[in-house]
Amino acid sequence: MKKLFGNLLLLALIIGVVSFFAAPAVGFFGIRSAADANDVSGLSRLVDFAAVRQSLRPQLSGNPAALAPAPTFLEDPIGAVRRQFEQADSASVADVDAYLTPAALAALTRGEGRYASQRSRLAGGPPSDANPMPAPVFWGVNRVRMAVTDEGGSRTIFTFERKGPFEWKLVHVGLPEGAAPAVVAPAPAPARAAPPPAQR
């Protein structure tokens, strides 16, 4: 009986350790599944939208200096104030929210990178048939990074942060290098002619 109890305890410990370290991967596939199902409430449990929005702004602004850590007010007061104004300007220019719709998040998890925003702007479209597996880039106790690579070798990197023993949230999306492609707006539907008046 004592041996059985010891084996059960060991098995529970192994399951707990595997679950502890596998939770970020489960979160990644949970985001892909919730995005495919257009489950906004499910995505809100898996994605820290404020943090991801903040991580995307400097990448979309086109200013390489915006990717560097901001100086503190004590080190460089003028530079810190200037950075605040630059971030406000880039926030108005960059269409960050185009990357945060369910269709765009599904595309990001499939490695579409900067092209993922087109899924939002062109009313989504069916998800890609490709389901690439994420590759671990960094695996720590409180932070995990996974990358999805497209056919051309460009990587989209997802950073998850621990919020509880088995709870992880997406806090950063690293887009591939380059500029986001221009999106052509769909042509408006031609206006229909009014039907002729009914004759009496």
C-alpha atoms as a PDB file:
ATOM      1  CA  MET A   1       0.000   0.000   0.000  1.00  0.00           C
ATOM      2  CA  LYS A   2       2.841   2.347   0.841  1.00  0.00           C
ATOM      3  CA  LYS A   3       4.520   1.611  -2.514  1.00  0.00           C
ATOM      4  CA  LEU A   4       1.278   2.298  -4.405  1.00  0.00           C
ATOM      5  CA  PHE A   5       0.858   5.622  -2.604  1.00  0.00           C
ATOM      6  CA  GLY A   6       4.466   6.554  -3.452  1.00  0.00           C
ATOM      7  CA  ASN A   7       3.924   5.703  -7.143  1.00  0.00           C
ATOM      8  CA  LEU A   8       0.731   7.768  -7.262  1.00  0.00           C
ATOM      9  CA  LEU A   9       2.504  10.691  -5.626  1.00  0.00           C
ATOM     10  CA  LEU A  10       5.378  10.420  -8.129  1.00  0.00           C
ATOM     11  CA  LEU A  11       2.922  10.245 -11.037  1.00  0.00           C
ATOM     12  CA  ALA A  12       1.050  13.322  -9.763  1.00  0.00           C
ATOM     13  CA  LEU A  13       4.368  15.169  -9.416  1.00  0.00           C
ATOM     14  CA  ILE A  14       5.374  14.274 -12.993  1.00  0.00           C
ATOM     15  CA  ILE A  15       1.984  15.360 -14.355  1.00  0.00           C
ATOM     16  CA  GLY A  16       2.218  18.626 -12.426  1.00  0.00           C
ATOM     17  CA  VAL A  17       5.727  19.379 -13.753  1.00  0.00           C
ATOM     18  CA  VAL A  18       4.736  18.548 -17.358  1.00  0.00           C
ATOM     19  CA  SER A  19       1.604  20.705 -17.054  1.00  0.00           C
ATOM     20  CA  PHE A  20       3.654  23.522 -15.487  1.00  0.00           C
ATOM     21  CA  PHE A  21       6.017  23.673 -18.473  1.00  0.00           C
ATOM     22  CA  ALA A  22       3.527  22.716 -21.211  1.00  0.00           C
ATOM     23  CA  ALA A  23       0.971  25.385 -20.270  1.00  0.00           C
ATOM     24  CA  PRO A  24       2.404  28.081 -22.632  1.00  0.00           C
ATOM     25  CA  ALA A  25       2.158  25.725 -25.623  1.00  0.00           C
ATOM     26  CA  VAL A  26      -1.418  24.909 -24.621  1.00  0.00           C
ATOM     27  CA  GLY A  27      -2.053  28.673 -24.464  1.00  0.00           C
ATOM     28  CA  PHE A  28      -0.657  29.162 -27.982  1.00  0.00           C
ATOM     29  CA  PHE A  29      -2.939  26.514 -29.477  1.00  0.00           C
ATOM     30  CA  GLY A  30      -5.802  27.877 -27.376  1.00  0.00           C
ATOM     31  CA  ILE A  31      -5.318  31.292 -29.018  1.00  0.00           C
ATOM     32  CA  ARG A  32      -5.304  29.716 -32.481  1.00  0.00           C
ATOM     33  CA  SER A  33      -8.453  27.718 -31.732  1.00  0.00           C
ATOM     34  CA  ALA A  34     -10.320  30.645 -30.120  1.00  0.00           C
ATOM     35  CA  ALA A  35      -9.346  32.945 -32.983  1.00  0.00           C
ATOM     36  CA  ASP A  36     -10.571  30.424 -35.581  1.00  0.00           C
ATOM     37  CA  ALA A  37     -13.874  30.175 -33.690  1.00  0.00           C
ATOM     38  CA  ASN A  38     -14.115  33.989 -33.347  1.00  0.00           C
ATOM     39  CA  ASP A  39     -14.330  33.477 -29.569  1.00  0.00           C
ATOM     40  CA  VAL A  40     -13.539  36.964 -28.235  1.00  0.00           C
ATOM     41  CA  SER A  41     -14.117  36.063 -24.575  1.00  0.00           C
ATOM     42  CA  GLY A  42     -11.772  33.069 -24.920  1.00  0.00           C
ATOM     43  CA  LEU A  43      -9.106  35.307 -26.460  1.00  0.00           C
ATOM     44  CA  SER A  44      -9.450  37.836 -23.646  1.00  0.00           C
ATOM     45  CA  ARG A  45      -8.510  35.095 -21.162  1.00  0.00           C
ATOM     46  CA  LEU A  46      -5.403  34.167 -23.169  1.00  0.00           C
ATOM     47  CA  VAL A  47      -4.175  37.535 -24.491  1.00  0.00           C
ATOM     48  CA  ASP A  48      -3.150  40.642 -22.565  1.00  0.00           C
ATOM     49  CA  PHE A  49      -4.392  43.005 -25.282  1.00  0.00           C
ATOM     50  CA  ALA A  50      -2.968  46.149 -23.642  1.00  0.00           C
ATOM     51  CA  ALA A  51       0.535  44.654 -23.456  1.00  0.00           C
ATOM     52  CA  VAL A  52       0.396  43.220 -26.999  1.00  0.00           C
ATOM     53  CA  ARG A  53      -0.891  46.553 -28.346  1.00  0.00           C
ATOM     54  CA  GLN A  54       2.013  48.331 -26.654  1.00  0.00           C
ATOM     55  CA  SER A  55       4.497  45.812 -28.097  1.00  0.00           C
ATOM     56  CA  LEU A  56       3.229  46.326 -31.651  1.00  0.00           C
ATOM     57  CA  ARG A  57       3.242  50.138 -31.753  1.00  0.00           C
ATOM     58  CA  PRO A  58       7.020  50.668 -32.065  1.00  0.00           C
ATOM     59  CA  GLN A  59       7.282  47.842 -34.615  1.00  0.00           C
ATOM     60  CA  LEU A  60       4.686  49.485 -36.858  1.00  0.00           C
ATOM     61  CA  SER A  61       5.949  53.053 -36.472  1.00  0.00           C
ATOM     62  CA  GLY A  62       8.930  52.481 -38.783  1.00  0.00           C
ATOM     63  CA  ASN A  63      11.271  54.148 -36.280  1.00  0.00           C
ATOM     64  CA  PRO A  64      14.112  51.767 -35.237  1.00  0.00           C
ATOM     65  CA  ALA A  65      14.897  53.923 -32.186  1.00  0.00           C
ATOM     66  CA  ALA A  66      11.413  53.227 -30.854  1.00  0.00           C
ATOM     67  CA  LEU A  67      12.402  49.597 -30.262  1.00  0.00           C
ATOM     68  CA  ALA A  68      15.098  50.606 -27.753  1.00  0.00           C
ATOM     69  CA  PRO A  69      14.137  50.850 -24.073  1.00  0.00           C
ATOM     70  CA  ALA A  70      12.905  54.315 -23.144  1.00  0.00           C
ATOM     71  CA  PRO A  71      15.261  56.398 -21.006  1.00  0.00           C
ATOM     72  CA  THR A  72      14.167  57.076 -17.442  1.00  0.00           C
ATOM     73  CA  PHE A  73      13.200  60.581 -16.390  1.00  0.00           C
ATOM     74  CA  LEU A  74      16.156  60.749 -13.963  1.00  0.00           C
ATOM     75  CA  GLU A  75      18.719  59.687 -16.594  1.00  0.00           C
ATOM     76  CA  ASP A  76      17.478  61.832 -19.476  1.00  0.00           C
ATOM     77  CA  PRO A  77      14.411  63.989 -18.743  1.00  0.00           C
ATOM     78  CA  ILE A  78      14.325  65.569 -22.218  1.00  0.00           C
ATOM     79  CA  GLY A  79      14.694  62.192 -23.949  1.00  0.00           C
ATOM     80  CA  ALA A  80      11.981  60.644 -21.770  1.00  0.00           C
ATOM     81  CA  VAL A  81       9.522  63.431 -22.606  1.00  0.00           C
ATOM     82  CA  ARG A  82      10.438  63.248 -26.309  1.00  0.00           C
ATOM     83  CA  ARG A  83       9.815  59.478 -26.291  1.00  0.00           C
ATOM     84  CA  GLN A  84       6.332  60.027 -24.837  1.00  0.00           C
ATOM     85  CA  PHE A  85       5.456  62.381 -27.710  1.00  0.00           C
ATOM     86  CA  GLU A  86       6.945  59.995 -30.286  1.00  0.00           C
ATOM     87  CA  GLN A  87       4.891  57.100 -28.913  1.00  0.00           C
ATOM     88  CA  ALA A  88       1.738  59.220 -29.046  1.00  0.00           C
ATOM     89  CA  ASP A  89       2.455  60.125 -32.690  1.00  0.00           C
ATOM     90  CA  SER A  90       3.230  56.525 -33.665  1.00  0.00           C
ATOM     91  CA  ALA A  91       0.079  55.313 -31.897  1.00  0.00           C
ATOM     92  CA  SER A  92      -2.025  57.530 -34.148  1.00  0.00           C
ATOM     93  CA  VAL A  93      -0.217  56.401 -37.317  1.00  0.00           C
ATOM     94  CA  ALA A  94       0.123  52.669 -36.698  1.00  0.00           C
ATOM     95  CA  ASP A  95      -3.026  50.617 -37.108  1.00  0.00           C
ATOM     96  CA  VAL A  96      -2.250  48.336 -34.165  1.00  0.00           C
ATOM     97  CA  ASP A  97      -5.796  47.068 -33.693  1.00  0.00           C
ATOM     98  CA  ALA A  98      -5.774  45.525 -37.178  1.00  0.00           C
ATOM     99  CA  TYR A  99      -3.450  42.859 -35.712  1.00  0.00           C
ATOM    100  CA  LEU A 100      -5.680  42.143 -32.706  1.00  0.00           C
ATOM    101  CA  THR A 101      -8.891  40.905 -34.320  1.00  0.00           C
ATOM    102  CA  PRO A 102      -9.626  37.171 -34.148  1.00  0.00           C
ATOM    103  CA  ALA A 103      -8.917  36.792 -37.897  1.00  0.00           C
ATOM    104  CA  ALA A 104      -5.547  38.566 -37.578  1.00  0.00           C
ATOM    105  CA  LEU A 105      -4.530  36.631 -34.448  1.00  0.00           C
ATOM    106  CA  ALA A 106      -5.340  33.359 -36.228  1.00  0.00           C
ATOM    107  CA  ALA A 107      -3.170  34.494 -39.142  1.00  0.00           C
ATOM    108  CA  LEU A 108      -0.325  35.469 -36.795  1.00  0.00           C
ATOM    109  CA  THR A 109      -0.323  32.003 -35.217  1.00  0.00           C
ATOM    110  CA  ARG A 110       0.063  30.580 -38.735  1.00  0.00           C
ATOM    111  CA  GLY A 111       3.125  32.699 -39.476  1.00  0.00           C
ATOM    112  CA  GLU A 112       1.545  35.317 -41.736  1.00  0.00           C
ATOM    113  CA  GLY A 113       3.471  38.052 -39.900  1.00  0.00           C
ATOM    114  CA  ARG A 114       2.856  41.582 -41.158  1.00  0.00           C
ATOM    115  CA  TYR A 115       0.341  40.302 -43.705  1.00  0.00           C
ATOM    116  CA  ALA A 116      -1.974  39.248 -40.852  1.00  0.00           C
ATOM    117  CA  SER A 117      -3.442  42.748 -40.666  1.00  0.00           C
ATOM    118  CA  GLN A 118      -4.986  42.225 -44.104  1.00  0.00           C
ATOM    119  CA  ARG A 119      -7.262  39.578 -42.607  1.00  0.00           C
ATOM    120  CA  SER A 120      -8.903  42.311 -40.523  1.00  0.00           C
ATOM    121  CA  ARG A 121      -9.026  44.995 -43.190  1.00  0.00           C
ATOM    122  CA  LEU A 122     -10.447  42.727 -45.859  1.00  0.00           C
ATOM    123  CA  ALA A 123     -13.116  41.199 -43.614  1.00  0.00           C
ATOM    124  CA  GLY A 124     -11.094  38.179 -42.555  1.00  0.00           C
ATOM    125  CA  GLY A 125     -11.552  35.298 -44.897  1.00  0.00           C
ATOM    126  CA  PRO A 126     -11.171  31.617 -44.198  1.00  0.00           C
ATOM    127  CA  PRO A 127      -8.168  30.635 -42.065  1.00  0.00           C
ATOM    128  CA  SER A 128      -5.189  29.193 -43.844  1.00  0.00           C
ATOM    129  CA  ASP A 129      -5.002  25.406 -44.142  1.00  0.00           C
ATOM    130  CA  ALA A 130      -1.415  25.531 -42.864  1.00  0.00           C
ATOM    131  CA  ASN A 131      -1.015  24.837 -39.151  1.00  0.00           C
ATOM    132  CA  PRO A 132       2.709  25.300 -38.464  1.00  0.00           C
ATOM    133  CA  MET A 133       4.013  24.135 -35.124  1.00  0.00           C
ATOM    134  CA  PRO A 134       5.624  26.763 -32.904  1.00  0.00           C
ATOM    135  CA  ALA A 135       9.288  26.250 -32.084  1.00  0.00           C
ATOM    136  CA  PRO A 136      10.599  27.167 -28.616  1.00  0.00           C
ATOM    137  CA  VAL A 137      12.994  30.119 -28.646  1.00  0.00           C
ATOM    138  CA  PHE A 138      13.272  30.683 -24.895  1.00  0.00           C
ATOM    139  CA  TRP A 139      11.736  28.691 -22.052  1.00  0.00           C
ATOM    140  CA  GLY A 140      11.905  30.125 -18.543  1.00  0.00           C
ATOM    141  CA  VAL A 141       9.968  29.814 -15.339  1.00  0.00           C
ATOM    142  CA  ASN A 142       7.951  33.007 -15.838  1.00  0.00           C
ATOM    143  CA  ARG A 143       8.451  33.843 -19.516  1.00  0.00           C
ATOM    144  CA  VAL A 144       8.348  31.762 -22.690  1.00  0.00           C
ATOM    145  CA  ARG A 145       8.987  32.695 -26.312  1.00  0.00           C
ATOM    146  CA  MET A 146       7.813  30.612 -29.258  1.00  0.00           C
ATOM    147  CA  ALA A 147       8.344  31.305 -32.958  1.00  0.00           C
ATOM    148  CA  VAL A 148       6.308  30.399 -36.024  1.00  0.00           C
ATOM    149  CA  THR A 149       8.255  30.443 -39.293  1.00  0.00           C
ATOM    150  CA  ASP A 150       6.671  30.985 -42.697  1.00  0.00           C
ATOM    151  CA  GLU A 151       7.804  29.402 -45.971  1.00  0.00           C
ATOM    152  CA  GLY A 152      10.230  32.252 -46.625  1.00  0.00           C
ATOM    153  CA  GLY A 153      11.937  31.861 -43.245  1.00  0.00           C
ATOM    154  CA  SER A 154      10.413  34.945 -41.576  1.00  0.00           C
ATOM    155  CA  ARG A 155       9.635  34.390 -37.896  1.00  0.00           C
ATOM    156  CA  THR A 156       6.757  35.729 -35.831  1.00  0.00           C
ATOM    157  CA  ILE A 157       7.653  35.465 -32.144  1.00  0.00           C
ATOM    158  CA  PHE A 158       5.079  35.091 -29.368  1.00  0.00           C
ATOM    159  CA  THR A 159       6.038  35.904 -25.777  1.00  0.00           C
ATOM    160  CA  PHE A 160       3.934  34.438 -22.974  1.00  0.00           C
ATOM    161  CA  GLU A 161       4.157  35.527 -19.340  1.00  0.00           C
ATOM    162  CA  ARG A 162       3.064  33.601 -16.276  1.00  0.00           C
ATOM    163  CA  LYS A 163       0.049  35.045 -14.482  1.00  0.00           C
ATOM    164  CA  GLY A 164      -0.548  32.092 -12.131  1.00  0.00           C
ATOM    165  CA  PRO A 165       0.698  28.534 -11.481  1.00  0.00           C
ATOM    166  CA  PHE A 166      -0.841  27.241 -14.722  1.00  0.00           C
ATOM    167  CA  GLU A 167      -2.069  30.492 -16.276  1.00  0.00           C
ATOM    168  CA  TRP A 168      -0.105  32.142 -19.078  1.00  0.00           C
ATOM    169  CA  LYS A 169      -1.008  35.123 -21.249  1.00  0.00           C
ATOM    170  CA  LEU A 170       0.355  36.415 -24.527  1.00  0.00           C
ATOM    171  CA  VAL A 171       2.067  39.743 -23.762  1.00  0.00           C
ATOM    172  CA  HIS A 172       4.226  40.423 -26.845  1.00  0.00           C
ATOM    173  CA  VAL A 173       4.158  39.665 -30.560  1.00  0.00           C
ATOM    174  CA  GLY A 174       7.390  40.164 -32.493  1.00  0.00           C
ATOM    175  CA  LEU A 175       6.649  40.769 -36.167  1.00  0.00           C
ATOM    176  CA  PRO A 176       9.168  39.860 -38.896  1.00  0.00           C
ATOM    177  CA  GLU A 177      11.412  42.611 -40.261  1.00  0.00           C
ATOM    178  CA  GLY A 178      10.087  44.796 -43.039  1.00  0.00           C
ATOM    179  CA  ALA A 179       7.095  46.975 -43.697  1.00  0.00           C
ATOM    180  CA  ALA A 180       3.469  45.969 -43.566  1.00  0.00           C
ATOM    181  CA  PRO A 181       2.042  45.539 -47.068  1.00  0.00           C
ATOM    182  CA  ALA A 182      -0.334  48.138 -48.439  1.00  0.00           C
ATOM    183  CA  VAL A 183      -3.927  47.050 -48.363  1.00  0.00           C
ATOM    184  CA  VAL A 184      -6.151  47.799 -51.327  1.00  0.00           C
ATOM    185  CA  ALA A 185      -9.661  48.575 -50.197  1.00  0.00           C
ATOM    186  CA  PRO A 186     -12.319  46.428 -51.838  1.00  0.00           C
ATOM    187  CA  ALA A 187     -14.199  48.142 -54.647  1.00  0.00           C
ATOM    188  CA  PRO A 188     -17.667  49.341 -53.613  1.00  0.00           C
ATOM    189  CA  ALA A 189     -20.598  47.381 -54.954  1.00  0.00           C
ATOM    190  CA  PRO A 190     -22.315  49.053 -57.917  1.00  0.00           C
ATOM    191  CA  ALA A 191     -25.520  50.863 -57.028  1.00  0.00           C
ATOM    192  CA  ARG A 192     -28.656  49.121 -58.173  1.00  0.00           C
ATOM    193  CA  ALA A 193     -31.102  51.032 -60.299  1.00  0.00           C
ATOM    194  CA  ALA A 194     -34.421  51.777 -58.648  1.00  0.00           C
ATOM    195  CA  PRO A 195     -37.292  49.600 -59.902  1.00  0.00           C
ATOM    196  CA  PRO A 196     -39.706  51.338 -62.244  1.00  0.00           C
ATOM    197  CA  PRO A 197     -42.874  52.633 -60.595  1.00  0.00           C
ATOM    198  CA  ALA A 198     -45.804  50.274 -60.686  1.00  0.00           C
ATOM    199  CA  GLN A 199     -48.361  51.212 -63.305  1.00  0.00           C
ATOM    200  CA  ARG A 200     -52.019  51.309 -62.448  1.00  0.00           C
END
